[in-house]
Amino acid sequence: MPLCAQSEPVDSLRTRSRLADTLVAMTNPPNGPGSPDGEDPLSDMLRRMFGEGGPDPEELRRALGQLGGAGGTSAPGGLPFDPSQLDPAMMSQMMQQFQAMMQSSPEDGPVNWTLARQSARQAAAGQDPTVGTFARREIDEALRLAELWLDGATEIESTGLLGKAWSRAEWVEASMDTWQRLTEPVAVSMSEAMSRAMRDQLPGQVPEEMQGMLDGMQPMLQNMGGTMFGLQLGQAVGALAQEVLSGTDSGFPVAGHQLAMVPVNIEEFGDGLEVPDDQIRIYLALREVARMRLFVHSPWLERDLYAAIEQYASGVHIDMSKIEEAARSIDPSDPESMQEAFAGASFIPEPTGTQKAALERLELTLALIEGWVDVVVTEAAKPLDAANALRETINRRRATGGPAEHAFGTLVGLDLRPRRLREAATLWEKIGEANGREYRDTIWRHPDLQPTAEDLDDPDGYVTRRETREQESAGLDDELRKLLEGGFDDGEGHK
């Protein structure tokens, strides 16, 4: 239905006026205030943003002039804002930021990963002091001590890695490539769906007199989904950067095989615990070192985790009805409304049967990792007076997750929490008590030895079931060897 000033409610008029106010900062006429060189900044900006096929600057000026009149307030030239009051430097900065948001590099693909990294760094940049020499020394000493204590609690050897103390921004830089790998299949589907929904819905959301400009804005609308998802992913990773305690705190070696801790987050984690700071550092260092020993000496483990995620992600599809509903709520005059429309909502339907199997395998593997770490660290941390209290606090934190972890899970539809952590810890305890530490730790040498969900339900039966499987496997090997060597009888005495 055509929009007209005579029939529009006040709220609609205000919306149109706000839209004009937002865009008029880009409409200085040539040779006017803010254009000392005689060039038309609006024409230059539109050409750089949309190419030669972009919107006509004169058409944009006329539309804004009509909007200004409709709003009831106007400046010279019929515009709702006086261009002579604009700061050219501010305009240039706004244009650069807008271009950076809407233009992704060819390497980025459908998702603006460059913007995701920038957004993550900005989100993590609040209270993020540079790690000083003293803090680095404390972390280094804690990690070295953890290596020594773990030697007496596990047969899995030291990694020989040097410890690092990171700021939140350094954690973002070290882990961003992994987050891209983990989220890319979902991110690509989501960004393409967002772009398609906004490209279809936005034309009905702007005033009629500006409809002609949308044809020249198609490149921007095509990139908008990747831009919005890049922003959201970056903010989610930036929020995680304010909570993570170490490089493997999420259960994955997201920063690669690097032994690292985040001092500022460890300090905040310890607030209110009434536990000496050095004990907190040592306990967390024990957990970091224990996980890294697993990932370094059991390379199949990392591959299995990523394989489970990729199997889940390959079946992800987007609920377009929810995307379209969010797109309809966008206020074109309010740039922040685009981000708000897609923030905090999940557009990923319930997982399919194949996806559920992948998630179950992922949760089981994470639970086995965290359960083993819990048992080994409990043994190694006996010299710490606060070890039991810290154990309970950490296990509760891993089982429930924090706000940033929940936000990340909502965004990509992936929950990285070890739901059966306590059952897994009980399993490792029983295996160690019955067969010793060496038997327990050699289980990590090969994926075929890994406990199953049945073993979590019945930890006492793991050893018996493993022996049965090994006997069956040995029998099959014997039969295969006889077959290859021609050792089977055909029933008539001939081989």
Protein backbone atom coordinates (compact mmCIF):
# COMPACT_ATOMS: atom_id res chain seq x y z
CA MET A 1 0.00 0.00 0.00
CA PRO A 2 1.53 3.41 -0.92
CA LEU A 3 2.72 5.48 1.96
CA CYS A 4 1.48 9.07 2.09
CA ALA A 5 1.83 11.84 4.63
CA GLN A 6 -1.93 12.46 4.86
CA SER A 7 -2.77 8.95 6.07
CA GLU A 8 0.35 8.06 8.05
CA PRO A 9 0.29 7.91 11.86
CA VAL A 10 2.71 10.07 13.81
CA ASP A 11 5.01 7.11 14.60
CA SER A 12 5.41 6.37 10.91
CA LEU A 13 6.25 9.99 10.16
CA ARG A 14 8.81 9.98 12.91
CA THR A 15 10.32 6.78 11.53
CA ARG A 16 10.67 8.34 8.10
CA SER A 17 12.18 11.47 9.58
CA ARG A 18 14.71 9.40 11.53
CA LEU A 19 15.60 7.57 8.33
CA ALA A 20 16.21 10.88 6.64
CA ASP A 21 18.31 12.09 9.55
CA THR A 22 20.42 8.92 9.31
CA LEU A 23 21.11 9.28 5.61
CA VAL A 24 21.34 13.03 5.20
CA ALA A 25 24.83 13.02 6.71
CA MET A 26 25.89 11.57 3.38
CA THR A 27 24.15 14.13 1.16
CA ASN A 28 26.36 17.24 1.11
CA PRO A 29 25.96 18.73 -2.38
CA PRO A 30 29.06 19.44 -4.44
CA ASN A 31 30.79 22.74 -3.64
CA GLY A 32 28.77 22.93 -0.44
CA PRO A 33 29.85 22.94 3.19
CA GLY A 34 32.07 19.95 3.90
CA SER A 35 33.19 19.70 0.26
CA PRO A 36 36.18 22.08 -0.07
CA ASP A 37 37.58 20.26 -3.11
CA GLY A 38 34.45 20.81 -5.17
CA GLU A 39 33.74 17.06 -5.49
CA ASP A 40 30.47 15.45 -4.52
CA PRO A 41 31.16 13.26 -1.46
CA LEU A 42 27.82 11.48 -1.78
CA SER A 43 28.49 10.46 -5.37
CA ASP A 44 31.98 9.31 -4.45
CA MET A 45 30.73 7.26 -1.49
CA LEU A 46 27.90 5.59 -3.42
CA ARG A 47 30.27 4.72 -6.26
CA ARG A 48 32.79 3.15 -3.86
CA MET A 49 30.12 1.24 -1.97
CA PHE A 50 27.89 0.00 -4.79
CA GLY A 51 29.92 0.41 -7.97
CA GLU A 52 28.80 2.28 -11.06
CA GLY A 53 25.31 0.77 -10.81
CA GLY A 54 24.61 2.32 -7.41
CA PRO A 55 21.77 4.67 -6.44
CA ASP A 56 21.52 8.08 -8.14
CA PRO A 57 22.73 10.72 -5.64
CA GLU A 58 20.27 13.30 -6.95
CA GLU A 59 17.41 10.84 -6.52
CA LEU A 60 18.55 10.22 -2.96
CA ARG A 61 18.64 13.97 -2.25
CA ARG A 62 15.15 14.46 -3.65
CA ALA A 63 13.80 11.55 -1.57
CA LEU A 64 15.35 12.94 1.57
CA GLY A 65 13.94 16.37 0.82
CA GLN A 66 10.44 14.86 0.55
CA LEU A 67 10.98 12.97 3.79
CA GLY A 68 12.02 16.18 5.51
CA GLY A 69 8.84 17.92 4.40
CA ALA A 70 6.72 14.98 5.50
CA GLY A 71 8.33 15.06 8.92
CA GLY A 72 7.37 18.66 9.40
CA THR A 73 10.92 19.87 10.05
CA SER A 74 13.29 21.01 7.38
CA ALA A 75 16.53 22.85 6.90
CA PRO A 76 17.70 24.83 3.87
CA GLY A 77 17.10 22.93 0.67
CA GLY A 78 14.13 21.02 2.11
CA LEU A 79 16.40 18.64 4.03
CA PRO A 80 15.51 17.66 7.62
CA PHE A 81 19.09 18.51 8.68
CA ASP A 82 21.37 21.45 7.95
CA PRO A 83 24.38 20.13 5.97
CA SER A 84 26.46 23.13 7.02
CA GLN A 85 26.55 21.71 10.54
CA LEU A 86 28.22 18.46 9.48
CA ASP A 87 31.77 17.63 10.49
CA PRO A 88 33.60 16.39 7.34
CA ALA A 89 36.01 14.28 9.42
CA MET A 90 33.11 12.61 11.20
CA MET A 91 31.37 11.97 7.88
CA SER A 92 34.51 10.36 6.50
CA GLN A 93 34.84 8.12 9.55
CA MET A 94 31.17 7.09 9.34
CA MET A 95 31.56 6.25 5.66
CA GLN A 96 34.68 4.15 6.29
CA GLN A 97 33.01 2.21 9.11
CA PHE A 98 29.89 1.61 7.04
CA GLN A 99 31.94 0.41 4.09
CA ALA A 100 33.98 -1.93 6.31
CA MET A 101 30.78 -3.46 7.64
CA MET A 102 29.15 -4.00 4.28
CA GLN A 103 32.13 -5.07 2.21
CA SER A 104 33.92 -8.36 2.86
CA SER A 105 37.17 -9.41 1.25
CA PRO A 106 37.12 -12.11 -1.45
CA GLU A 107 38.80 -14.50 0.99
CA ASP A 108 35.95 -14.15 3.47
CA GLY A 109 33.29 -15.83 1.33
CA PRO A 110 29.62 -15.51 2.37
CA VAL A 111 30.59 -14.64 5.99
CA ASN A 112 32.53 -11.50 6.88
CA TRP A 113 35.21 -13.23 8.96
CA THR A 114 37.36 -10.11 8.99
CA LEU A 115 34.56 -8.23 10.69
CA ALA A 116 34.00 -11.18 13.06
CA ARG A 117 37.62 -10.94 14.23
CA GLN A 118 37.40 -7.16 14.65
CA SER A 119 34.12 -7.45 16.52
CA ALA A 120 35.54 -10.13 18.83
CA ARG A 121 38.53 -7.96 19.68
CA GLN A 122 36.29 -4.97 20.40
CA ALA A 123 33.96 -7.05 22.59
CA ALA A 124 36.94 -8.37 24.57
CA ALA A 125 38.64 -5.00 24.87
CA GLY A 126 36.77 -3.67 27.93
CA GLN A 127 38.81 -4.35 31.05
CA ASP A 128 41.68 -6.11 29.31
CA PRO A 129 45.01 -5.00 30.76
CA THR A 130 48.25 -5.98 29.11
CA VAL A 131 49.77 -8.97 30.87
CA GLY A 132 52.70 -7.69 32.90
CA THR A 133 56.02 -9.36 33.69
CA PHE A 134 54.95 -10.36 37.21
CA ALA A 135 51.70 -11.98 35.99
CA ARG A 136 53.60 -13.88 33.29
CA ARG A 137 56.05 -15.17 35.88
CA GLU A 138 53.19 -16.35 38.12
CA ILE A 139 51.55 -18.25 35.26
CA ASP A 140 54.85 -19.77 34.15
CA GLU A 141 55.62 -21.00 37.67
CA ALA A 142 52.12 -22.45 38.09
CA LEU A 143 52.37 -24.37 34.80
CA ARG A 144 55.85 -25.70 35.60
CA LEU A 145 54.70 -26.88 39.02
CA ALA A 146 51.63 -28.47 37.43
CA GLU A 147 53.86 -30.48 35.09
CA LEU A 148 55.83 -31.84 38.06
CA TRP A 149 52.76 -32.76 40.09
CA LEU A 150 51.06 -34.46 37.14
CA ASP A 151 54.07 -36.70 36.57
CA GLY A 152 53.06 -38.44 39.78
CA ALA A 153 49.39 -38.81 38.80
CA THR A 154 49.45 -40.03 35.19
CA GLU A 155 51.51 -42.16 32.85
CA ILE A 156 50.90 -39.77 29.96
CA GLU A 157 54.11 -37.85 29.42
CA SER A 158 54.73 -34.13 29.52
CA THR A 159 54.26 -32.14 26.31
CA GLY A 160 57.43 -30.10 26.67
CA LEU A 161 55.45 -26.95 25.74
CA LEU A 162 56.33 -23.56 27.19
CA GLY A 163 53.59 -21.81 29.14
CA LYS A 164 52.04 -18.52 28.02
CA ALA A 165 50.01 -15.83 29.76
CA TRP A 166 47.49 -14.14 27.45
CA SER A 167 45.30 -11.09 27.56
CA ARG A 168 41.73 -11.53 26.35
CA ALA A 169 42.61 -9.99 23.00
CA GLU A 170 45.53 -12.41 22.60
CA TRP A 171 43.19 -15.33 23.31
CA VAL A 172 40.83 -14.04 20.60
CA GLU A 173 43.66 -13.82 18.06
CA ALA A 174 44.98 -17.27 18.97
CA SER A 175 41.57 -18.99 18.84
CA MET A 176 39.64 -17.19 16.07
CA ASP A 177 40.74 -19.53 13.27
CA THR A 178 39.42 -22.50 15.26
CA TRP A 179 36.10 -20.79 15.95
CA GLN A 180 35.80 -20.12 12.23
CA ARG A 181 36.44 -23.81 11.50
CA LEU A 182 33.89 -24.91 14.11
CA THR A 183 31.15 -22.53 12.98
CA GLU A 184 31.73 -22.11 9.24
CA PRO A 185 29.13 -24.63 7.95
CA VAL A 186 26.45 -23.10 10.18
CA ALA A 187 27.68 -19.56 9.53
CA VAL A 188 27.49 -19.87 5.75
CA SER A 189 23.93 -21.25 5.85
CA MET A 190 22.85 -18.61 8.35
CA SER A 191 24.39 -15.64 6.52
CA GLU A 192 22.91 -16.68 3.17
CA ALA A 193 19.48 -17.10 4.78
CA MET A 194 19.74 -13.68 6.47
CA SER A 195 20.74 -11.99 3.22
CA ARG A 196 17.92 -13.66 1.31
CA ALA A 197 15.32 -12.72 3.94
CA MET A 198 16.41 -9.08 4.13
CA ARG A 199 16.64 -8.82 0.35
CA ASP A 200 13.04 -10.03 0.13
CA GLN A 201 11.60 -8.17 3.13
CA LEU A 202 13.39 -4.82 3.15
CA PRO A 203 11.73 -3.33 0.02
CA GLY A 204 8.40 -3.33 1.83
CA GLN A 205 9.88 -1.62 4.87
CA VAL A 206 11.10 1.65 3.32
CA PRO A 207 9.07 4.67 2.11
CA GLU A 208 7.74 4.47 -1.42
CA GLU A 209 9.77 7.46 -2.59
CA MET A 210 12.99 5.56 -1.79
CA GLN A 211 12.07 2.26 -3.44
CA GLY A 212 13.95 3.14 -6.61
CA MET A 213 17.20 3.35 -4.71
CA LEU A 214 17.04 -0.29 -3.58
CA ASP A 215 17.96 -1.61 -7.02
CA GLY A 216 21.40 -0.10 -6.63
CA MET A 217 21.74 -1.46 -3.09
CA GLN A 218 21.50 -5.14 -4.00
CA PRO A 219 25.27 -5.77 -3.51
CA MET A 220 24.99 -4.38 0.00
CA LEU A 221 21.91 -6.49 0.78
CA GLN A 222 23.70 -9.56 -0.56
CA ASN A 223 26.51 -9.00 1.95
CA MET A 224 24.29 -7.98 4.83
CA GLY A 225 23.66 -11.52 6.14
CA GLY A 226 27.38 -12.26 6.25
CA THR A 227 27.94 -8.93 7.96
CA MET A 228 25.31 -9.52 10.63
CA PHE A 229 26.48 -13.06 11.37
CA GLY A 230 30.09 -11.88 11.46
CA LEU A 231 29.15 -9.24 14.02
CA GLN A 232 27.20 -11.70 16.15
CA LEU A 233 29.87 -14.39 16.04
CA GLY A 234 32.56 -11.85 16.89
CA GLN A 235 30.57 -10.58 19.86
CA ALA A 236 29.94 -14.14 21.07
CA VAL A 237 33.64 -15.02 20.86
CA GLY A 238 34.51 -11.70 22.51
CA ALA A 239 32.14 -12.52 25.36
CA LEU A 240 33.76 -15.95 25.72
CA ALA A 241 37.12 -14.19 25.93
CA GLN A 242 35.91 -12.55 29.13
CA GLU A 243 35.16 -15.93 30.74
CA VAL A 244 37.71 -18.49 29.52
CA LEU A 245 40.47 -19.36 31.97
CA SER A 246 42.89 -21.12 29.65
CA GLY A 247 43.52 -22.30 26.11
CA THR A 248 41.56 -25.56 26.53
CA ASP A 249 38.92 -24.31 28.95
CA SER A 250 36.14 -24.94 26.43
CA GLY A 251 37.16 -28.62 26.19
CA PHE A 252 38.85 -28.07 22.82
CA PRO A 253 42.40 -26.94 22.05
CA VAL A 254 40.90 -23.85 20.39
CA ALA A 255 44.29 -22.12 20.35
CA GLY A 256 46.11 -25.15 19.00
CA HIS A 257 48.78 -26.96 20.97
CA GLN A 258 49.65 -23.99 23.14
CA LEU A 259 49.82 -24.14 26.93
CA ALA A 260 48.18 -20.85 27.89
CA MET A 261 46.19 -19.15 30.65
CA VAL A 262 44.32 -15.82 30.91
CA PRO A 263 45.37 -14.07 34.16
CA VAL A 264 42.70 -11.35 34.21
CA ASN A 265 39.90 -13.94 33.95
CA ILE A 266 41.54 -16.17 36.57
CA GLU A 267 41.62 -13.20 38.93
CA GLU A 268 37.90 -12.51 38.35
CA PHE A 269 37.10 -16.22 38.72
CA GLY A 270 38.73 -16.18 42.15
CA ASP A 271 36.77 -13.18 43.42
CA GLY A 272 34.58 -14.31 46.30
CA LEU A 273 35.97 -17.87 46.53
CA GLU A 274 38.02 -17.15 49.66
CA VAL A 275 40.83 -19.31 48.27
CA PRO A 276 44.46 -18.11 48.02
CA ASP A 277 45.31 -16.86 44.54
CA ASP A 278 48.32 -19.14 44.15
CA GLN A 279 46.20 -22.25 44.85
CA ILE A 280 43.66 -21.17 42.21
CA ARG A 281 46.41 -20.66 39.63
CA ILE A 282 48.03 -24.01 40.37
CA TYR A 283 44.72 -25.90 40.27
CA LEU A 284 43.72 -24.34 36.93
CA ALA A 285 47.23 -24.95 35.58
CA LEU A 286 46.89 -28.63 36.47
CA ARG A 287 43.70 -28.85 34.41
CA GLU A 288 45.25 -27.04 31.45
CA VAL A 289 48.37 -29.24 31.46
CA ALA A 290 46.34 -32.45 31.85
CA ARG A 291 44.11 -31.66 28.87
CA MET A 292 47.04 -30.67 26.70
CA ARG A 293 48.84 -33.95 27.47
CA LEU A 294 45.80 -35.79 26.11
CA PHE A 295 45.55 -33.74 22.93
CA VAL A 296 49.26 -33.86 22.16
CA HIS A 297 49.79 -37.58 22.82
CA SER A 298 46.42 -38.77 21.42
CA PRO A 299 46.16 -36.96 18.06
CA TRP A 300 43.12 -39.02 17.06
CA LEU A 301 41.17 -37.35 19.89
CA GLU A 302 41.19 -33.90 18.34
CA ARG A 303 40.28 -35.36 14.94
CA ASP A 304 37.31 -37.21 16.43
CA LEU A 305 36.00 -34.08 18.11
CA TYR A 306 36.14 -32.06 14.89
CA ALA A 307 34.65 -34.95 12.90
CA ALA A 308 31.65 -35.05 15.23
CA ILE A 309 31.15 -31.30 14.87
CA GLU A 310 31.44 -31.43 11.09
CA GLN A 311 28.94 -34.30 10.92
CA TYR A 312 26.50 -32.26 12.98
CA ALA A 313 27.09 -29.08 10.97
CA SER A 314 26.69 -30.81 7.60
CA GLY A 315 23.04 -31.45 8.40
CA VAL A 316 22.22 -27.97 9.68
CA HIS A 317 19.43 -26.13 7.91
CA ILE A 318 17.86 -22.79 8.73
CA ASP A 319 14.26 -22.12 9.73
CA MET A 320 13.43 -19.51 7.09
CA SER A 321 10.10 -18.62 8.70
CA LYS A 322 11.93 -17.37 11.81
CA ILE A 323 14.48 -15.51 9.70
CA GLU A 324 11.72 -13.79 7.72
CA GLU A 325 9.86 -12.91 10.90
CA ALA A 326 13.00 -11.26 12.27
CA ALA A 327 13.58 -9.39 9.01
CA ARG A 328 10.05 -7.96 9.13
CA SER A 329 10.81 -6.41 12.52
CA ILE A 330 13.72 -4.33 11.17
CA ASP A 331 13.34 -0.55 11.32
CA PRO A 332 15.27 0.82 8.31
CA SER A 333 15.81 4.13 10.14
CA ASP A 334 17.57 2.39 13.03
CA PRO A 335 20.77 0.53 12.01
CA GLU A 336 20.95 -1.17 15.41
CA SER A 337 17.56 -2.77 14.86
CA MET A 338 19.08 -5.09 12.23
CA GLN A 339 21.49 -6.48 14.79
CA GLU A 340 18.85 -6.68 17.52
CA ALA A 341 16.45 -8.53 15.22
CA PHE A 342 18.89 -11.41 14.77
CA ALA A 343 20.45 -11.38 18.23
CA GLY A 344 19.52 -13.84 20.97
CA ALA A 345 17.27 -15.99 18.77
CA SER A 346 17.94 -19.44 17.41
CA PHE A 347 17.04 -20.03 13.78
CA ILE A 348 18.23 -23.66 13.80
CA PRO A 349 15.46 -26.29 14.19
CA GLU A 350 15.73 -29.40 16.35
CA PRO A 351 18.56 -31.71 15.19
CA THR A 352 17.86 -34.68 12.95
CA GLY A 353 18.61 -38.29 13.87
CA THR A 354 22.08 -38.17 12.29
CA GLN A 355 22.83 -34.88 14.01
CA LYS A 356 21.70 -36.24 17.37
CA ALA A 357 24.07 -39.17 16.98
CA ALA A 358 26.95 -36.76 16.26
CA LEU A 359 26.03 -34.62 19.28
CA GLU A 360 25.84 -37.68 21.53
CA ARG A 361 29.29 -38.78 20.37
CA LEU A 362 30.63 -35.27 20.93
CA GLU A 363 29.13 -35.02 24.42
CA LEU A 364 30.46 -38.46 25.33
CA THR A 365 34.00 -37.59 24.20
CA LEU A 366 33.94 -34.26 26.05
CA ALA A 367 32.65 -35.99 29.18
CA LEU A 368 35.41 -38.62 29.00
CA ILE A 369 38.06 -35.90 28.61
CA GLU A 370 36.75 -33.79 31.48
CA GLY A 371 36.14 -36.85 33.67
CA TRP A 372 39.71 -38.08 33.20
CA VAL A 373 41.08 -34.58 33.83
CA ASP A 374 39.00 -34.36 37.01
CA VAL A 375 40.33 -37.67 38.37
CA VAL A 376 43.97 -37.02 37.48
CA VAL A 377 43.95 -33.44 38.77
CA THR A 378 42.27 -34.54 42.01
CA GLU A 379 45.16 -36.92 42.57
CA ALA A 380 47.83 -34.38 41.62
CA ALA A 381 46.27 -31.51 43.62
CA LYS A 382 46.35 -33.23 47.02
CA PRO A 383 48.96 -30.76 48.36
CA LEU A 384 46.43 -27.93 47.90
CA ASP A 385 44.21 -27.27 50.93
CA ALA A 386 41.43 -25.89 48.73
CA ALA A 387 41.55 -28.67 46.13
CA ASN A 388 38.14 -30.18 46.97
CA ALA A 389 36.37 -26.82 46.99
CA LEU A 390 37.96 -25.84 43.68
CA ARG A 391 37.06 -29.22 42.18
CA GLU A 392 33.38 -28.76 42.99
CA THR A 393 33.36 -25.16 41.72
CA ILE A 394 35.02 -26.06 38.42
CA ASN A 395 32.82 -29.12 37.78
CA ARG A 396 29.68 -27.10 38.44
CA ARG A 397 30.94 -24.38 36.09
CA ARG A 398 31.69 -26.88 33.31
CA ALA A 399 28.36 -28.66 33.68
CA THR A 400 26.16 -25.55 33.62
CA GLY A 401 28.13 -23.17 31.39
CA GLY A 402 28.21 -19.39 31.59
CA PRO A 403 26.12 -16.73 29.82
CA ALA A 404 28.63 -16.33 26.99
CA GLU A 405 28.74 -20.08 26.41
CA HIS A 406 24.93 -20.20 26.21
CA ALA A 407 24.90 -17.27 23.77
CA PHE A 408 27.44 -19.03 21.55
CA GLY A 409 25.39 -22.24 21.67
CA THR A 410 22.24 -20.37 20.67
CA LEU A 411 24.01 -18.72 17.75
CA VAL A 412 25.42 -21.87 16.16
CA GLY A 413 23.11 -24.50 17.67
CA LEU A 414 26.03 -26.33 19.26
CA ASP A 415 26.34 -27.17 22.97
CA LEU A 416 29.92 -27.95 24.04
CA ARG A 417 29.17 -28.98 27.62
CA PRO A 418 30.06 -32.43 29.04
CA ARG A 419 26.64 -33.39 30.39
CA ARG A 420 27.80 -36.70 31.92
CA LEU A 421 30.97 -35.40 33.54
CA ARG A 422 30.33 -36.97 36.96
CA GLU A 423 29.54 -40.41 35.51
CA ALA A 424 32.71 -40.24 33.43
CA ALA A 425 34.79 -39.32 36.49
CA THR A 426 33.31 -42.26 38.37
CA LEU A 427 34.21 -44.58 35.47
CA TRP A 428 37.86 -43.46 35.40
CA GLU A 429 38.10 -43.81 39.18
CA LYS A 430 36.82 -47.38 39.09
CA ILE A 431 39.09 -48.35 36.18
CA GLY A 432 42.11 -46.97 38.02
CA GLU A 433 41.20 -48.67 41.29
CA ALA A 434 40.62 -52.04 39.62
CA ASN A 435 43.47 -52.14 37.10
CA GLY A 436 45.91 -49.40 37.98
CA ARG A 437 46.96 -46.07 36.53
CA GLU A 438 48.87 -47.46 33.55
CA TYR A 439 45.88 -49.53 32.36
CA ARG A 440 43.64 -46.47 32.75
CA ASP A 441 45.88 -44.14 30.77
CA THR A 442 46.67 -46.53 27.92
CA ILE A 443 42.98 -46.38 27.01
CA TRP A 444 43.77 -43.06 25.31
CA ARG A 445 46.20 -44.69 22.88
CA HIS A 446 43.52 -45.80 20.44
CA PRO A 447 39.89 -44.78 19.79
CA ASP A 448 38.75 -48.43 19.79
CA LEU A 449 39.54 -48.61 23.49
CA GLN A 450 37.35 -45.67 24.41
CA PRO A 451 34.48 -46.28 26.84
CA THR A 452 30.94 -46.05 25.50
CA ALA A 453 27.72 -44.63 26.90
CA GLU A 454 26.98 -48.14 28.19
CA ASP A 455 30.20 -48.00 30.20
CA LEU A 456 29.09 -44.74 31.82
CA ASP A 457 25.86 -46.47 32.84
CA ASP A 458 27.72 -49.54 34.16
CA PRO A 459 31.32 -48.55 35.01
CA ASP A 460 32.03 -51.82 36.82
CA GLY A 461 31.48 -53.78 33.60
CA TYR A 462 33.93 -51.84 31.41
CA VAL A 463 36.88 -54.20 31.91
CA THR A 464 34.78 -57.32 31.22
CA ARG A 465 33.24 -55.82 28.09
CA ARG A 466 36.64 -54.69 26.84
CA GLU A 467 38.11 -58.18 27.35
CA THR A 468 35.16 -59.71 25.51
CA ARG A 469 35.63 -57.35 22.56
CA GLU A 470 39.36 -58.04 22.45
CA GLN A 471 38.75 -61.81 22.47
CA GLU A 472 36.22 -61.49 19.64
CA SER A 473 38.63 -59.32 17.67
CA ALA A 474 41.48 -61.79 18.21
CA GLY A 475 39.24 -64.64 17.01
CA LEU A 476 38.38 -62.76 13.84
CA ASP A 477 42.07 -62.07 13.23
CA ASP A 478 42.89 -65.78 13.58
CA GLU A 479 40.17 -66.77 11.12
CA LEU A 480 41.30 -64.15 8.62
CA ARG A 481 44.91 -65.31 8.89
CA LYS A 482 43.88 -68.94 8.30
CA LEU A 483 41.85 -67.88 5.29
CA LEU A 484 44.78 -66.00 3.79
CA GLU A 485 47.16 -68.88 4.48
CA GLY A 486 44.76 -71.45 3.04
CA GLY A 487 44.31 -73.18 6.39
CA PHE A 488 40.54 -73.85 6.12
CA ASP A 489 39.21 -77.33 5.28
CA ASP A 490 36.53 -77.58 2.54
CA GLY A 491 34.79 -80.45 4.40
CA GLU A 492 36.24 -83.23 2.19
CA GLY A 493 39.70 -83.16 3.63
CA HIS A 494 40.99 -80.71 1.03
CA LYS A 495 42.43 -77.33 1.78
